Structure formats: C-alpha cells, structure tokens
Amino acid sequence: MLVNQEKCIGCGICIPYCPAQAISITGRKAAIDQAECLECGNCLRRDVVPCPTGAFYEKEGIYEEPRGIRRFFSDPTTTHAVTQVPGRGTEEVKTNDVTGRVCRGEIGVAVEMGRPCMGTDMAEFEKMTMALAKIGVVFEEANPLTQLLADKSTGVIDPKYKNEKLVSAIIEFTAPIDQMPLIMATVTEVAKSLNTVFSLDLIGCFEEDGSLPVLPMLEAIGLKPRVNSKVNLGMGRPYRIIRQ
C-alpha cells in the first residue's frame, strides 16, 4: 500500500487499524513502512478505515511475486491461484464433511499461524514446516502455503519468499492417528521458539459406535480439547471409510 501525500492530511485515523503497525505520521503525513506492510488492504477499504480523503492506494504490480503472496495470504477478498478460493487457505481439513480428506484411522491437522491483530513472517512458518517434515509429515497439496516450499520433504521455504510477511496462513496435513502423540510433541516443542501466535486444529472421525478415538489419546498425552469443539454432521460428500 502507498499514501497519496497530496491527499493525506495527517489526521492519524489510520494508525490503529493497521495490524502490522506499519503506518506512522512523518512530517505531518502518513507513511507506510514497506518492510512491515502486510498488503492486507485494510487501510484501502474506507468501510474499514475511515480515511477522510481516501489517501491510500495500491502500488503497481502488487500481485506479482514474491511480494504478491503478502496480499494473497493477508487480504480475504483476494483469490489464490492454487486454491481458487479467497484468503489464506483452502477448503480446510476443518470442513472434512465436505472435502472427505480425513478417514477413520487418520487425523487432520491445521496449524494456523499469525492472526489479524498480529502478523508473522515466513521464517516462523519454516520453523514449523521443517520440524514436521523431519518426522515424515506429508503436507496438503491443495494448500497454498505448501506451494511455497522449495522442498516438501524437508519443509524448506523457497528462498525468494523468505523475507515476506503476512497476516496468517495455515499448515495442513493428514496423518495416521497413531502418529498424533509425535506430531503434538513436535508442535509443542517448536512453539517454544516461535515469535508469533498460532492455533492448532485437530480433526478426527467418529467411529460407527459414536466414539471419537482422538479424545482419549489427547487426554493420555496431557492435552485437554476444548469443550466447544466443532462437530460436522457429515451432510456434505459421502464419507470414505478407508483411503483408496
């Protein structure tokens, strides 16, 4: 994003709306720190930021790589070329009744890093992807973040993206349910070194008797799931009992 210096009156209304704290008043005019700007578009949308003069505008070539990924992962109104859906992710494993990605005997995992009030950078994602790749995780191909890996077997981010920052993105994968303790231990260990926030989504399928095997497994390793967990009724695509 850029600021039209002729239009800007230096009122400062925009400052608290920037999730990256990239806007400041310099010489009685708003200025954007381009290194910190996430290209989320908040300042541009006058229904979000009530700039009285409409001084913000997009820089030319904003959708070009590598900086273009900031926009695709930070602005929910954009559509990523890989997924053809708006925003940072895909039809996530959380919507398993629609996607059918996770079968019985498996878990779906989504590590959602960053948040609208606190962005993050690609180095933080690489800490997590490299650690997960080391234990044999296979990342979801339909996820746009997976497409930024130079080597999916090692979890290394493509060097041209390593200096980019974004509001948030999701690491997604499916794994055998018996690997859950190792996955949880790995995520917990990496969390100690992260300089951002993240949430962890764990998806499991009900057995025919109505039990959910993932719950006692979580309790056995000392993790207590939230009582308001999301339950999908399976009214989307037909459920696949086993992976083909």
Protein backbone atom coordinates (compact mmCIF):
# COMPACT_ATOMS: atom_id res chain seq x y z
CA MET A 1 0.00 0.00 0.00
CA LEU A 2 1.03 3.60 -0.61
CA VAL A 3 -0.16 7.01 0.61
CA ASN A 4 -1.00 9.88 -1.72
CA GLN A 5 0.89 12.65 0.05
CA GLU A 6 -1.19 15.37 -1.60
CA LYS A 7 -4.44 13.89 -0.29
CA CYS A 8 -3.20 12.92 3.20
CA ILE A 9 -3.99 15.46 5.94
CA GLY A 10 -2.02 13.65 8.66
CA CYS A 11 -5.04 13.03 10.88
CA GLY A 12 -3.70 9.66 12.09
CA ILE A 13 -7.09 7.90 11.97
CA CYS A 14 -5.49 5.06 10.00
CA ILE A 15 -2.78 4.16 12.53
CA PRO A 16 -4.73 1.86 14.92
CA TYR A 17 -6.30 -0.06 12.02
CA CYS A 18 -3.01 -1.43 10.70
CA PRO A 19 -2.40 -4.97 12.04
CA ALA A 20 1.33 -4.67 11.33
CA GLN A 21 1.74 -1.24 12.96
CA ALA A 22 3.33 -0.20 9.68
CA ILE A 23 1.70 3.26 9.47
CA SER A 24 3.17 6.29 11.20
CA ILE A 25 2.95 10.08 10.91
CA THR A 26 6.12 11.60 9.47
CA GLY A 27 6.29 15.27 8.58
CA ARG A 28 2.56 15.59 9.31
CA LYS A 29 1.75 12.96 6.69
CA ALA A 30 1.00 9.24 6.95
CA ALA A 31 3.87 6.98 5.89
CA ILE A 32 3.93 3.20 5.42
CA ASP A 33 6.92 1.06 6.35
CA GLN A 34 7.07 -1.15 3.26
CA ALA A 35 9.13 -3.82 5.02
CA GLU A 36 6.40 -4.26 7.64
CA CYS A 37 3.32 -3.73 5.46
CA LEU A 38 1.35 -6.98 5.00
CA GLU A 39 -0.62 -5.69 1.98
CA CYS A 40 -3.83 -6.71 3.78
CA GLY A 41 -5.75 -3.81 2.24
CA ASN A 42 -7.33 -2.63 5.49
CA CYS A 43 -6.19 0.96 5.00
CA LEU A 44 -7.51 0.95 1.44
CA ARG A 45 -11.06 -0.07 2.39
CA ARG A 46 -12.89 3.03 3.51
CA ASP A 47 -15.63 0.94 5.13
CA VAL A 48 -12.87 -0.34 7.47
CA VAL A 49 -10.58 2.64 7.83
CA PRO A 50 -12.49 5.94 7.64
CA CYS A 51 -9.74 7.90 5.88
CA PRO A 52 -11.47 11.24 5.24
CA THR A 53 -9.63 11.88 1.97
CA GLY A 54 -9.16 8.34 0.59
CA ALA A 55 -5.40 8.83 0.54
CA PHE A 56 -4.39 5.14 0.34
CA TYR A 57 -3.87 3.31 -2.94
CA GLU A 58 -2.32 0.09 -4.26
CA LYS A 59 1.17 0.09 -5.65
CA GLU A 60 1.62 -1.12 -9.21
CA GLY A 61 2.40 -4.83 -9.52
CA ILE A 62 1.04 -5.69 -6.06
CA TYR A 63 0.01 -9.18 -7.22
CA GLU A 64 3.42 -10.05 -8.65
CA GLU A 65 5.82 -12.42 -6.86
CA PRO A 66 7.38 -12.58 -4.42
CA ARG A 67 5.64 -9.69 -2.60
CA GLY A 68 2.29 -10.72 -4.06
CA ILE A 69 2.00 -13.54 -1.52
CA ARG A 70 1.54 -10.92 1.18
CA ARG A 71 -1.70 -9.88 -0.49
CA PHE A 72 -2.95 -13.42 -1.14
CA PHE A 73 -2.41 -14.52 2.45
CA SER A 74 -3.45 -11.27 4.13
CA ASP A 75 -6.44 -9.96 2.21
CA PRO A 76 -9.51 -12.25 2.41
CA THR A 77 -11.01 -10.59 -0.66
CA THR A 78 -8.30 -12.00 -2.96
CA THR A 79 -8.39 -15.42 -4.62
CA HIS A 80 -5.25 -17.55 -4.65
CA ALA A 81 -4.35 -19.18 -7.97
CA VAL A 82 -3.69 -22.57 -6.37
CA THR A 83 -6.91 -22.97 -4.41
CA GLN A 84 -9.31 -20.73 -6.34
CA VAL A 85 -10.84 -19.74 -3.01
CA PRO A 86 -10.47 -16.41 -1.18
CA GLY A 87 -7.92 -15.81 1.52
CA ARG A 88 -5.16 -17.73 3.25
CA GLY A 89 -6.25 -21.35 2.99
CA THR A 90 -8.31 -23.86 1.15
CA GLU A 91 -11.40 -25.91 1.92
CA GLU A 92 -9.57 -26.81 5.09
CA VAL A 93 -9.49 -30.11 6.92
CA LYS A 94 -11.90 -28.46 9.34
CA THR A 95 -14.61 -28.93 6.71
CA ASN A 96 -13.96 -32.62 6.36
CA ASP A 97 -17.63 -33.46 5.78
CA VAL A 98 -17.28 -31.50 2.53
CA THR A 99 -13.75 -32.41 1.45
CA GLY A 100 -13.54 -36.00 2.72
CA ARG A 101 -9.81 -35.65 3.32
CA VAL A 102 -9.65 -37.42 6.67
CA CYS A 103 -10.76 -41.05 7.01
CA ARG A 104 -11.22 -43.27 10.05
CA GLY A 105 -7.84 -44.18 11.46
CA GLU A 106 -6.46 -40.78 10.48
CA ILE A 107 -6.25 -37.27 11.87
CA GLY A 108 -6.29 -33.98 10.04
CA VAL A 109 -4.06 -31.22 11.41
CA ALA A 110 -4.14 -27.50 10.71
CA VAL A 111 -1.58 -25.18 12.28
CA GLU A 112 -2.97 -21.67 11.82
CA MET A 113 -0.08 -19.25 12.34
CA GLY A 114 -0.49 -15.50 12.68
CA ARG A 115 -3.70 -13.56 13.33
CA PRO A 116 -5.33 -10.32 12.07
CA CYS A 117 -4.02 -8.48 15.13
CA MET A 118 -0.52 -9.94 14.83
CA GLY A 119 1.11 -10.88 11.54
CA THR A 120 4.05 -13.18 11.06
CA ASP A 121 6.81 -13.93 8.57
CA MET A 122 7.91 -16.90 6.52
CA ALA A 123 10.81 -17.72 8.85
CA GLU A 124 8.28 -18.62 11.54
CA PHE A 125 6.44 -20.96 9.20
CA GLU A 126 9.69 -22.62 8.19
CA LYS A 127 10.47 -23.47 11.82
CA MET A 128 7.25 -25.47 11.94
CA THR A 129 7.33 -27.00 8.44
CA MET A 130 10.92 -28.20 8.81
CA ALA A 131 10.22 -29.82 12.16
CA LEU A 132 7.09 -31.53 10.85
CA ALA A 133 8.82 -32.71 7.66
CA LYS A 134 11.55 -34.26 9.80
CA ILE A 135 9.00 -36.62 11.38
CA GLY A 136 7.59 -37.61 8.00
CA VAL A 137 4.58 -35.30 7.62
CA VAL A 138 3.25 -35.00 4.05
CA PHE A 139 1.81 -31.52 3.50
CA GLU A 140 -1.57 -30.98 1.83
CA GLU A 141 -1.01 -30.28 -1.87
CA ALA A 142 -4.18 -28.17 -2.21
CA ASN A 143 -2.93 -25.74 0.42
CA PRO A 144 -1.29 -22.55 -0.96
CA LEU A 145 1.39 -22.49 1.74
CA THR A 146 2.59 -25.92 0.58
CA GLN A 147 3.26 -24.37 -2.82
CA LEU A 148 5.79 -22.02 -1.24
CA LEU A 149 8.04 -24.88 -0.12
CA ALA A 150 11.21 -25.35 -2.14
CA ASP A 151 11.47 -28.92 -0.85
CA LYS A 152 8.35 -30.56 0.60
CA SER A 153 10.39 -33.43 2.04
CA THR A 154 12.41 -31.05 4.23
CA GLY A 155 9.86 -28.27 4.74
CA VAL A 156 12.29 -25.61 3.50
CA ILE A 157 10.64 -22.42 2.22
CA ASP A 158 11.58 -21.23 -1.27
CA PRO A 159 14.35 -18.60 -0.72
CA LYS A 160 12.55 -15.95 -2.76
CA TYR A 161 9.72 -15.90 -0.20
CA LYS A 162 11.75 -15.97 3.00
CA ASN A 163 11.71 -12.20 3.53
CA GLU A 164 7.95 -11.88 3.05
CA LYS A 165 5.45 -11.21 5.84
CA LEU A 166 1.73 -11.93 6.02
CA VAL A 167 -1.26 -11.78 8.32
CA SER A 168 -1.65 -15.54 8.61
CA ALA A 169 -1.50 -18.86 6.79
CA ILE A 170 -2.31 -22.48 7.53
CA ILE A 171 -0.07 -25.54 7.52
CA GLU A 172 -2.29 -28.54 6.68
CA PHE A 173 -1.76 -32.28 6.54
CA THR A 174 -3.34 -35.66 7.22
CA ALA A 175 -1.58 -38.44 9.14
CA PRO A 176 -2.28 -41.87 10.69
CA ILE A 177 -3.90 -41.44 14.08
CA ASP A 178 -1.12 -43.34 15.87
CA GLN A 179 1.31 -40.57 14.85
CA MET A 180 -0.65 -37.99 16.82
CA PRO A 181 1.49 -38.08 20.01
CA LEU A 182 4.66 -37.45 18.00
CA ILE A 183 3.01 -34.67 16.00
CA MET A 184 1.69 -32.97 19.12
CA ALA A 185 5.09 -33.24 20.82
CA THR A 186 6.79 -31.72 17.76
CA VAL A 187 4.36 -28.80 17.54
CA THR A 188 4.67 -28.16 21.28
CA GLU A 189 8.47 -28.08 21.06
CA VAL A 190 8.53 -25.73 18.06
CA ALA A 191 6.05 -23.42 19.81
CA LYS A 192 8.76 -22.54 22.35
CA SER A 193 10.79 -20.79 19.66
CA LEU A 194 8.01 -19.05 17.74
CA ASN A 195 7.71 -15.29 17.63
CA THR A 196 4.02 -15.31 16.72
CA VAL A 197 0.73 -16.80 17.83
CA PHE A 198 -0.92 -19.90 16.39
CA SER A 199 -3.91 -22.14 16.91
CA LEU A 200 -3.90 -25.90 16.42
CA ASP A 201 -6.85 -27.67 14.82
CA LEU A 202 -7.17 -31.42 15.18
CA ILE A 203 -9.75 -33.27 13.09
CA GLY A 204 -10.90 -36.83 13.74
CA CYS A 205 -13.77 -39.01 12.55
CA PHE A 206 -16.40 -40.70 14.70
CA GLU A 207 -16.43 -44.49 14.75
CA GLU A 208 -19.66 -46.35 13.95
CA ASP A 209 -20.35 -46.77 17.68
CA GLY A 210 -20.23 -42.99 18.16
CA SER A 211 -16.83 -42.88 19.86
CA LEU A 212 -14.11 -40.44 18.87
CA PRO A 213 -10.71 -42.15 19.36
CA VAL A 214 -8.75 -38.94 19.23
CA LEU A 215 -10.19 -37.68 22.52
CA PRO A 216 -8.77 -40.32 24.91
CA MET A 217 -5.48 -40.16 23.01
CA LEU A 218 -5.27 -36.41 23.66
CA GLU A 219 -6.01 -36.88 27.34
CA ALA A 220 -3.34 -39.58 27.57
CA ILE A 221 -0.65 -37.12 26.47
CA GLY A 222 -1.93 -34.35 28.74
CA LEU A 223 -3.83 -32.22 26.22
CA LYS A 224 -7.38 -31.22 27.03
CA PRO A 225 -9.57 -30.45 23.99
CA ARG A 226 -11.96 -27.52 24.13
CA VAL A 227 -15.48 -28.40 25.21
CA ASN A 228 -16.94 -26.36 22.36
CA SER A 229 -15.33 -28.45 19.64
CA LYS A 230 -16.87 -28.23 16.21
CA VAL A 231 -18.98 -31.22 15.13
CA ASN A 232 -19.89 -31.64 11.47
CA LEU A 233 -22.78 -33.94 10.67
CA GLY A 234 -21.34 -35.39 7.50
CA MET A 235 -24.00 -33.90 5.25
CA GLY A 236 -21.51 -32.98 2.56
CA ARG A 237 -19.83 -35.53 0.33
CA PRO A 238 -20.22 -39.25 1.10
CA TYR A 239 -17.86 -40.43 3.82
CA ARG A 240 -14.96 -42.67 2.75
CA ILE A 241 -14.34 -45.36 5.36
CA ILE A 242 -10.86 -46.19 4.05
CA ARG A 243 -8.41 -44.26 1.94
CA GLN A 244 -8.16 -45.56 -1.59
